[in-house]
Protein backbone atom coordinates (compact mmCIF):
# COMPACT_ATOMS: atom_id res chain seq x y z
CA MET A 1 19.05 17.90 -23.46
CA SER A 2 18.31 15.42 -20.92
CA ASN A 3 15.91 12.63 -21.88
CA LYS A 4 15.38 11.61 -18.25
CA LEU A 5 11.79 11.30 -16.84
CA LYS A 6 11.18 14.49 -14.73
CA ILE A 7 9.32 13.99 -11.37
CA ALA A 8 7.80 16.40 -8.91
CA ILE A 9 7.11 15.53 -5.68
CA ILE A 10 4.17 16.56 -3.48
CA GLY A 11 4.56 16.11 0.17
CA CYS A 12 8.03 15.89 1.55
CA GLY A 13 7.19 14.20 4.79
CA GLY A 14 8.41 10.89 6.28
CA ILE A 15 7.23 8.51 3.72
CA ALA A 16 8.87 10.76 0.83
CA ASN A 17 12.06 11.01 2.87
CA GLY A 18 11.88 7.26 3.71
CA LYS A 19 11.33 5.61 0.41
CA HIS A 20 10.13 7.91 -2.61
CA MET A 21 13.12 10.41 -2.84
CA PRO A 22 15.96 8.22 -1.87
CA SER A 23 14.71 5.47 -4.36
CA LEU A 24 14.11 7.63 -7.42
CA SER A 25 17.62 8.97 -6.54
CA ARG A 26 18.93 6.04 -7.50
CA GLN A 27 17.17 5.55 -11.06
CA SER A 28 19.53 6.76 -13.65
CA ASP A 29 16.73 7.53 -16.03
CA ALA A 30 15.05 10.09 -13.79
CA GLU A 31 15.25 13.27 -11.86
CA MET A 32 13.47 15.47 -9.53
CA VAL A 33 12.68 18.98 -10.60
CA ALA A 34 10.12 20.09 -8.39
CA PHE A 35 9.11 19.56 -4.64
CA CYS A 36 5.81 20.89 -2.73
CA ASP A 37 5.19 20.73 0.90
CA ILE A 38 2.96 23.01 3.25
CA ILE A 39 6.14 23.47 5.25
CA GLU A 40 8.61 25.42 2.90
CA GLU A 41 11.84 24.45 4.60
CA ARG A 42 10.85 20.77 4.20
CA ALA A 43 10.36 21.26 0.50
CA GLN A 44 13.53 23.12 0.22
CA GLU A 45 15.63 20.52 2.33
CA ALA A 46 14.25 17.91 -0.07
CA ALA A 47 15.35 19.77 -3.16
CA ASP A 48 18.54 20.51 -1.74
CA LYS A 49 19.29 16.84 -1.18
CA TYR A 50 17.59 15.03 -4.01
CA GLY A 51 16.60 17.84 -6.48
CA ALA A 52 18.12 18.29 -9.83
CA GLU A 53 19.73 21.59 -10.69
CA GLY A 54 17.40 24.36 -10.45
CA ALA A 55 14.81 22.42 -8.79
CA ALA A 56 11.69 24.40 -7.90
CA VAL A 57 10.18 24.71 -4.35
CA TYR A 58 6.39 25.37 -3.70
CA THR A 59 4.13 25.25 -0.89
CA ASP A 60 0.83 24.96 -3.02
CA PHE A 61 0.30 21.85 -5.14
CA ARG A 62 -1.64 23.88 -7.59
CA GLU A 63 0.72 26.38 -8.30
CA LEU A 64 3.32 23.42 -8.78
CA LEU A 65 1.16 21.92 -11.30
CA ALA A 66 0.01 25.11 -13.05
CA THR A 67 3.89 25.38 -13.68
CA GLY A 68 4.33 22.46 -14.78
CA GLY A 69 7.84 21.11 -16.79
CA PHE A 70 7.56 17.27 -15.30
CA ASP A 71 6.41 14.03 -16.60
CA ILE A 72 5.47 12.13 -13.34
CA VAL A 73 3.84 13.52 -10.01
CA HIS A 74 4.45 11.37 -6.82
CA VAL A 75 1.65 11.94 -3.93
CA CYS A 76 3.11 11.65 -0.60
CA THR A 77 0.48 13.34 1.39
CA PRO A 78 -2.19 12.46 4.30
CA ASN A 79 -4.77 10.17 3.03
CA ASP A 80 -7.45 12.94 2.88
CA SER A 81 -5.80 14.80 0.18
CA HIS A 82 -4.76 11.87 -2.29
CA SER A 83 -7.65 12.13 -4.46
CA GLU A 84 -7.78 15.88 -4.82
CA ILE A 85 -4.28 16.13 -5.58
CA THR A 86 -3.98 12.91 -7.78
CA VAL A 87 -6.92 14.38 -10.02
CA ALA A 88 -5.43 17.48 -10.33
CA ALA A 89 -2.17 16.22 -11.66
CA LEU A 90 -3.70 13.58 -13.82
CA GLU A 91 -5.85 16.54 -15.36
CA ALA A 92 -2.66 18.47 -15.61
CA GLY A 93 -1.02 15.74 -18.16
CA ASN A 94 1.18 14.01 -15.61
CA HIS A 95 1.36 10.36 -14.66
CA VAL A 96 0.87 9.57 -11.02
CA MET A 97 1.89 7.49 -8.30
CA CYS A 98 0.24 8.01 -5.31
CA GLU A 99 1.22 6.57 -1.59
CA LYS A 100 -1.32 3.98 0.05
CA PRO A 101 -3.95 3.48 0.40
CA MET A 102 -5.23 5.09 -2.99
CA ALA A 103 -7.74 7.28 -0.95
CA LYS A 104 -9.90 7.72 2.55
CA THR A 105 -12.98 6.42 0.72
CA THR A 106 -14.10 4.53 -2.11
CA ALA A 107 -15.72 7.51 -3.85
CA GLN A 108 -12.34 9.27 -3.66
CA ALA A 109 -10.81 6.60 -5.09
CA GLN A 110 -13.30 5.92 -7.80
CA GLU A 111 -12.66 9.74 -8.84
CA MET A 112 -8.93 9.14 -9.09
CA LEU A 113 -9.66 6.00 -11.25
CA ASP A 114 -12.13 8.02 -13.56
CA ALA A 115 -9.55 10.77 -14.17
CA ALA A 116 -6.80 8.03 -14.93
CA ARG A 117 -9.23 6.70 -17.69
CA ARG A 118 -10.53 10.12 -18.77
CA THR A 119 -6.85 11.26 -19.19
CA GLY A 120 -5.19 8.21 -20.62
CA LYS A 121 -2.44 9.00 -17.82
CA LYS A 122 -0.76 6.27 -15.87
CA LEU A 123 -1.96 6.03 -11.97
CA SER A 124 -0.36 3.54 -9.63
CA ILE A 125 -0.48 3.04 -5.97
CA ALA A 126 2.84 2.49 -3.83
CA TYR A 127 2.14 -1.19 -2.51
CA GLN A 128 5.64 -1.80 -2.19
CA ASN A 129 5.37 -5.03 -0.54
CA ARG A 130 4.50 -6.68 -3.87
CA PHE A 131 8.19 -6.22 -4.86
CA ARG A 132 9.67 -8.10 -1.99
CA SER A 133 11.57 -11.17 -3.14
CA ASP A 134 9.26 -13.51 -1.24
CA SER A 135 6.29 -11.85 -2.58
CA GLU A 136 7.45 -12.17 -6.27
CA TYR A 137 8.63 -15.82 -5.84
CA LEU A 138 5.16 -16.84 -4.51
CA LYS A 139 3.29 -14.76 -7.11
CA GLY A 140 5.15 -16.96 -9.63
CA MET A 141 4.13 -20.18 -7.97
CA CYS A 142 0.32 -18.86 -7.74
CA GLU A 143 0.52 -17.98 -11.45
CA SER A 144 1.89 -21.45 -12.37
CA GLY A 145 -0.80 -23.17 -10.58
CA GLU A 146 1.54 -25.05 -7.87
CA LEU A 147 -0.98 -24.07 -5.11
CA GLY A 148 -4.10 -25.07 -7.13
CA ASP A 149 -7.41 -23.20 -6.62
CA ILE A 150 -6.71 -20.80 -3.81
CA TYR A 151 -9.59 -20.57 -1.65
CA TYR A 152 -8.32 -19.04 1.74
CA GLY A 153 -6.03 -16.50 2.43
CA LYS A 154 -5.10 -14.56 5.80
CA ALA A 155 -3.69 -11.16 5.50
CA ILE A 156 -1.62 -10.24 8.46
CA ALA A 157 -0.65 -6.84 9.92
CA LEU A 158 0.02 -7.28 13.39
CA ARG A 159 2.00 -5.32 15.42
CA ARG A 160 2.12 -5.92 19.37
CA ARG A 161 3.34 -2.23 20.39
CA ALA A 162 4.17 0.03 17.65
CA VAL A 163 1.70 2.99 17.47
CA PRO A 164 3.17 5.69 15.22
CA THR A 165 3.01 8.72 17.54
CA TRP A 166 4.40 11.26 14.77
CA GLY A 167 2.64 13.18 11.78
CA VAL A 168 -1.14 12.58 11.55
CA PHE A 169 -1.39 8.69 11.97
CA LEU A 170 -3.70 9.17 15.05
CA ASP A 171 -6.01 11.98 13.28
CA GLU A 172 -9.09 10.01 11.92
CA GLU A 173 -10.04 12.91 9.84
CA LYS A 174 -6.92 13.03 7.64
CA GLN A 175 -6.12 9.39 7.93
CA GLY A 176 -9.73 7.76 7.79
CA GLY A 177 -8.48 5.29 10.17
CA GLY A 178 -5.95 3.50 12.10
CA PRO A 179 -3.84 0.20 11.51
CA LEU A 180 -6.40 -1.19 9.31
CA ILE A 181 -6.01 1.65 6.59
CA ASP A 182 -2.43 2.00 7.50
CA ILE A 183 -0.64 -1.24 7.43
CA GLY A 184 -3.75 -3.75 7.04
CA THR A 185 -3.97 -2.13 3.61
CA HIS A 186 -0.43 -3.50 2.59
CA ALA A 187 -1.53 -7.18 3.86
CA LEU A 188 -4.88 -7.19 2.13
CA ASP A 189 -3.14 -5.68 -0.97
CA LEU A 190 -0.53 -8.52 -0.96
CA THR A 191 -3.11 -11.43 -0.33
CA LEU A 192 -5.69 -10.28 -3.13
CA TRP A 193 -2.91 -9.89 -5.60
CA LEU A 194 -1.33 -13.37 -4.87
CA MET A 195 -4.68 -14.85 -5.04
CA ASP A 196 -5.51 -12.78 -8.18
CA ASN A 197 -8.97 -12.36 -6.87
CA TYR A 198 -10.82 -8.77 -6.97
CA LYS A 199 -14.49 -9.74 -6.59
CA PRO A 200 -15.70 -9.17 -2.89
CA ARG A 201 -19.24 -10.42 -2.01
CA MET A 202 -19.59 -9.60 1.54
CA VAL A 203 -17.37 -7.97 4.61
CA VAL A 204 -17.90 -8.39 8.47
CA GLY A 205 -15.56 -6.45 10.41
CA SER A 206 -14.72 -5.43 13.88
CA THR A 207 -12.76 -2.53 15.35
CA PHE A 208 -11.22 -1.77 18.56
CA HIS A 209 -10.10 1.15 20.63
CA LYS A 210 -8.83 -0.65 23.86
CA LEU A 211 -5.07 0.32 24.43
CA GLY A 212 -5.16 3.44 22.90
CA GLN A 213 -7.07 5.06 25.94
CA ARG A 214 -3.88 4.15 28.09
CA LYS A 215 -1.40 6.90 29.31
CA ASN A 216 2.24 6.26 29.56
CA ALA A 217 1.84 2.84 27.44
CA ALA A 218 4.94 0.90 26.50
CA ASN A 219 5.45 1.42 22.89
CA ALA A 220 8.16 0.98 20.41
CA PHE A 221 7.98 4.63 19.24
CA GLY A 222 7.47 6.30 22.60
CA PRO A 223 3.88 6.63 24.65
CA TRP A 224 1.20 8.06 22.88
CA ASP A 225 -1.13 10.87 23.73
CA PRO A 226 -4.57 9.04 24.62
CA GLU A 227 -6.22 12.26 23.99
CA GLN A 228 -4.86 12.46 20.17
CA PHE A 229 -5.42 8.73 19.69
CA LYS A 230 -8.80 9.31 17.67
CA VAL A 231 -8.48 5.85 15.57
CA GLU A 232 -8.81 2.48 16.35
CA ASP A 233 -5.80 0.52 17.75
CA SER A 234 -6.84 -2.90 16.14
CA ALA A 235 -9.21 -4.17 13.30
CA PHE A 236 -10.31 -7.34 12.06
CA GLY A 237 -12.07 -8.35 8.64
CA PHE A 238 -13.89 -11.53 7.35
CA ILE A 239 -14.17 -11.48 3.61
CA THR A 240 -15.88 -13.82 1.16
CA MET A 241 -15.61 -13.37 -2.39
CA GLU A 242 -17.78 -14.26 -5.47
CA ASN A 243 -16.10 -17.40 -6.18
CA GLY A 244 -16.65 -18.68 -2.69
CA ALA A 245 -12.74 -17.78 -1.38
CA THR A 246 -12.44 -16.44 2.08
CA ILE A 247 -10.18 -14.02 3.45
CA SER A 248 -9.15 -13.34 6.99
CA LEU A 249 -7.67 -9.80 7.71
CA GLU A 250 -5.92 -9.02 10.96
CA SER A 251 -4.41 -5.60 11.58
CA SER A 252 -3.01 -3.71 14.68
CA TRP A 253 -0.70 -1.23 15.94
CA ALA A 254 -1.23 -2.36 19.73
CA LEU A 255 -2.57 -5.94 20.48
CA ASN A 256 -1.21 -8.08 23.46
CA VAL A 257 -0.12 -10.91 21.09
CA SER A 258 3.22 -12.81 21.19
CA GLU A 259 3.17 -13.68 17.35
CA PHE A 260 3.11 -10.99 15.00
CA GLY A 261 4.16 -9.86 11.80
CA GLU A 262 3.55 -7.01 9.27
CA ALA A 263 2.57 -7.06 5.59
CA LYS A 264 2.39 -11.08 5.39
CA THR A 265 0.07 -13.55 4.07
CA LEU A 266 -1.06 -17.23 4.41
CA LEU A 267 -2.68 -19.13 1.47
CA ALA A 268 -4.21 -22.40 1.22
CA GLY A 269 -5.17 -23.96 -2.16
CA THR A 270 -6.15 -27.29 -3.48
CA GLU A 271 -2.37 -28.30 -4.42
CA GLY A 272 -0.71 -26.73 -1.61
CA GLY A 273 0.10 -23.71 0.91
CA ALA A 274 2.28 -21.10 1.47
CA ASP A 275 3.02 -18.72 4.32
CA MET A 276 5.46 -15.95 5.54
CA LYS A 277 5.34 -16.39 9.32
CA ASP A 278 9.36 -17.37 9.23
CA GLY A 279 10.67 -16.67 5.78
CA LEU A 280 8.81 -18.44 3.00
CA ARG A 281 7.16 -21.80 3.65
CA ILE A 282 5.42 -24.09 1.14
CA ASN A 283 3.51 -26.93 2.15
CA GLY A 284 1.71 -29.58 0.20
CA GLU A 285 1.47 -33.54 -0.49
CA ARG A 286 3.71 -35.74 -2.34
CA ALA A 287 3.99 -39.38 -2.78
CA GLY A 288 1.63 -39.78 -0.23
CA ARG A 289 3.54 -37.95 2.37
CA LEU A 290 2.97 -34.26 3.79
CA PHE A 291 5.85 -31.69 3.27
CA GLU A 292 6.98 -28.43 4.29
CA THR A 293 9.90 -26.46 2.59
CA LYS A 294 11.35 -23.31 3.47
CA VAL A 295 12.44 -21.31 0.42
CA ASP A 296 15.92 -19.97 0.05
CA LEU A 297 15.79 -16.55 -1.35
CA SER A 298 19.08 -15.59 -0.33
CA SER A 299 20.34 -15.64 -3.93
CA GLY A 300 19.50 -15.74 -7.43
CA GLY A 301 16.36 -14.66 -9.47
CA VAL A 302 16.85 -10.94 -8.95
CA ALA A 303 18.47 -8.84 -11.73
CA PHE A 304 21.10 -6.57 -10.07
CA TYR A 305 22.30 -3.43 -11.65
CA SER A 306 25.53 -2.31 -9.87
CA GLY A 307 26.39 -5.65 -8.05
CA SER A 308 23.96 -4.88 -4.93
CA ALA A 309 20.69 -6.03 -4.59
CA GLU A 310 17.45 -3.78 -5.21
CA THR A 311 15.45 -2.83 -2.06
CA GLU A 312 11.66 -3.36 -2.85
CA ALA A 313 11.39 0.29 -2.95
CA ASP A 314 14.23 0.44 -5.32
CA ARG A 315 12.62 -2.10 -7.66
CA GLU A 316 8.93 -0.38 -7.38
CA ALA A 317 10.52 2.87 -8.39
CA ARG A 318 12.47 0.93 -11.50
CA LEU A 319 9.36 -0.91 -12.69
CA TRP A 320 7.10 2.24 -12.25
CA LEU A 321 9.57 4.39 -14.55
CA GLU A 322 9.68 1.60 -16.79
CA ALA A 323 5.90 1.49 -17.30
CA VAL A 324 5.85 5.29 -17.99
CA ARG A 325 8.67 5.21 -20.48
CA GLU A 326 7.57 2.19 -22.36
CA ASP A 327 4.01 2.69 -22.17
CA LYS A 328 2.67 -0.28 -20.05
CA ASP A 329 0.70 -1.06 -17.27
CA PRO A 330 2.37 -0.59 -13.92
CA VAL A 331 2.62 -3.49 -11.39
CA VAL A 332 0.06 -1.88 -9.30
CA LEU A 333 -3.34 -1.28 -11.14
CA PRO A 334 -5.36 1.29 -9.85
CA GLU A 335 -8.58 -1.02 -10.47
CA GLN A 336 -6.79 -3.55 -8.00
CA ALA A 337 -6.11 -0.64 -5.37
CA LEU A 338 -9.70 0.56 -5.63
CA VAL A 339 -10.95 -2.95 -4.43
CA VAL A 340 -8.76 -2.55 -1.45
CA THR A 341 -10.24 0.68 -0.43
CA GLN A 342 -13.62 -0.73 -1.08
CA ILE A 343 -12.86 -3.74 1.28
CA LEU A 344 -11.20 -1.58 4.07
CA GLU A 345 -14.07 0.83 3.87
CA ALA A 346 -16.56 -2.06 4.57
CA VAL A 347 -14.81 -3.33 7.30
CA TYR A 348 -15.19 0.04 9.09
CA GLU A 349 -18.69 0.18 7.80
CA SER A 350 -19.53 -2.99 9.22
CA ALA A 351 -17.99 -2.25 12.49
CA ARG A 352 -19.95 0.64 13.03
CA THR A 353 -23.21 -0.77 12.14
CA GLY A 354 -22.93 -4.26 13.40
CA ARG A 355 -23.99 -5.60 10.13
CA ALA A 356 -22.58 -7.56 7.14
CA VAL A 357 -21.72 -5.16 4.05
CA TYR A 358 -22.68 -6.89 0.98
CA PHE A 359 -21.21 -5.60 -2.57
CA ASP A 360 -24.45 -6.46 -4.33
CA GLY A 361 -26.54 -3.98 -2.71
CA SER A 362 -28.44 -6.43 -0.33
CA SER A 363 -28.06 -6.57 3.53
CA ASP A 364 -27.80 -9.03 6.00
CA ASN A 365 -31.54 -8.43 6.83
CA GLU A 366 -32.85 -10.03 3.51
């Protein structure tokens, strides 16, 4: 009898095929035994390619959960269904890995966290950029105090022209927003995690829908349809934390900038700084002189299992399964992901109202 962890995949679209299923297929201690998608052919194709022998196919996640026969559920659906499916999967007795962002709204994310606590099952959110070699190296530096007290961070998720024109990315109802909730969420998660600071005090935000209204615009993924482009094309936030630290958040799918980067961070502390502008760079002061060092991450520091380097997706999958098997906390805690969603929601609210959003319940009129 196999002692492999059994996994069900709900949502067999782009992110499941691009990350979840390939990385899980490379884990020797797990197997995918059930697949669900509203398009049956898509679920069947996933089962044929990645499923264990006899893998089941469903078009209704409720039927999948009722049938059971697995330990873990991966939720890879549009943002508006993350909470409903995750809560149901937890209540059915499964551990859950949910794609980012945690949910479309803070209230939905809170329901997910409450369900995880109520059921005692593990819940993690797929912020895979934490598992990059540069991210892990910088996290070690931050934890050892080499940057000192980190009081400024910049979360960067800027694309010049790379609007996703497939799926539901441009659908505000299903996604909850555009680049801010899609890629800005990665940069913000990375920055908060490195700073180890999850207590926001105030947020001011701006969103823009300037370039999305253009027809036949130059775009890496082909022209978008302005009639379908219902979300912002860029968004920016300014966040102050309870301890006074400040974070600048920049996100765009389409912005006229010559310098851009995705899921990057810049940190400034009392003892030094770091950024991911061109590889991982560390700066500081030593013996009365300023210095800047580029970290060579081409070798060493990563455990290899088959002679080849793990991708961040593979590392994410391995450590997630390890957390379930060994009954320990996952790398991405739901409490942390909830704060990311709170801040994203506050940026949208501030942009809509023209007012600062305070997390203690006060307002900028007081």
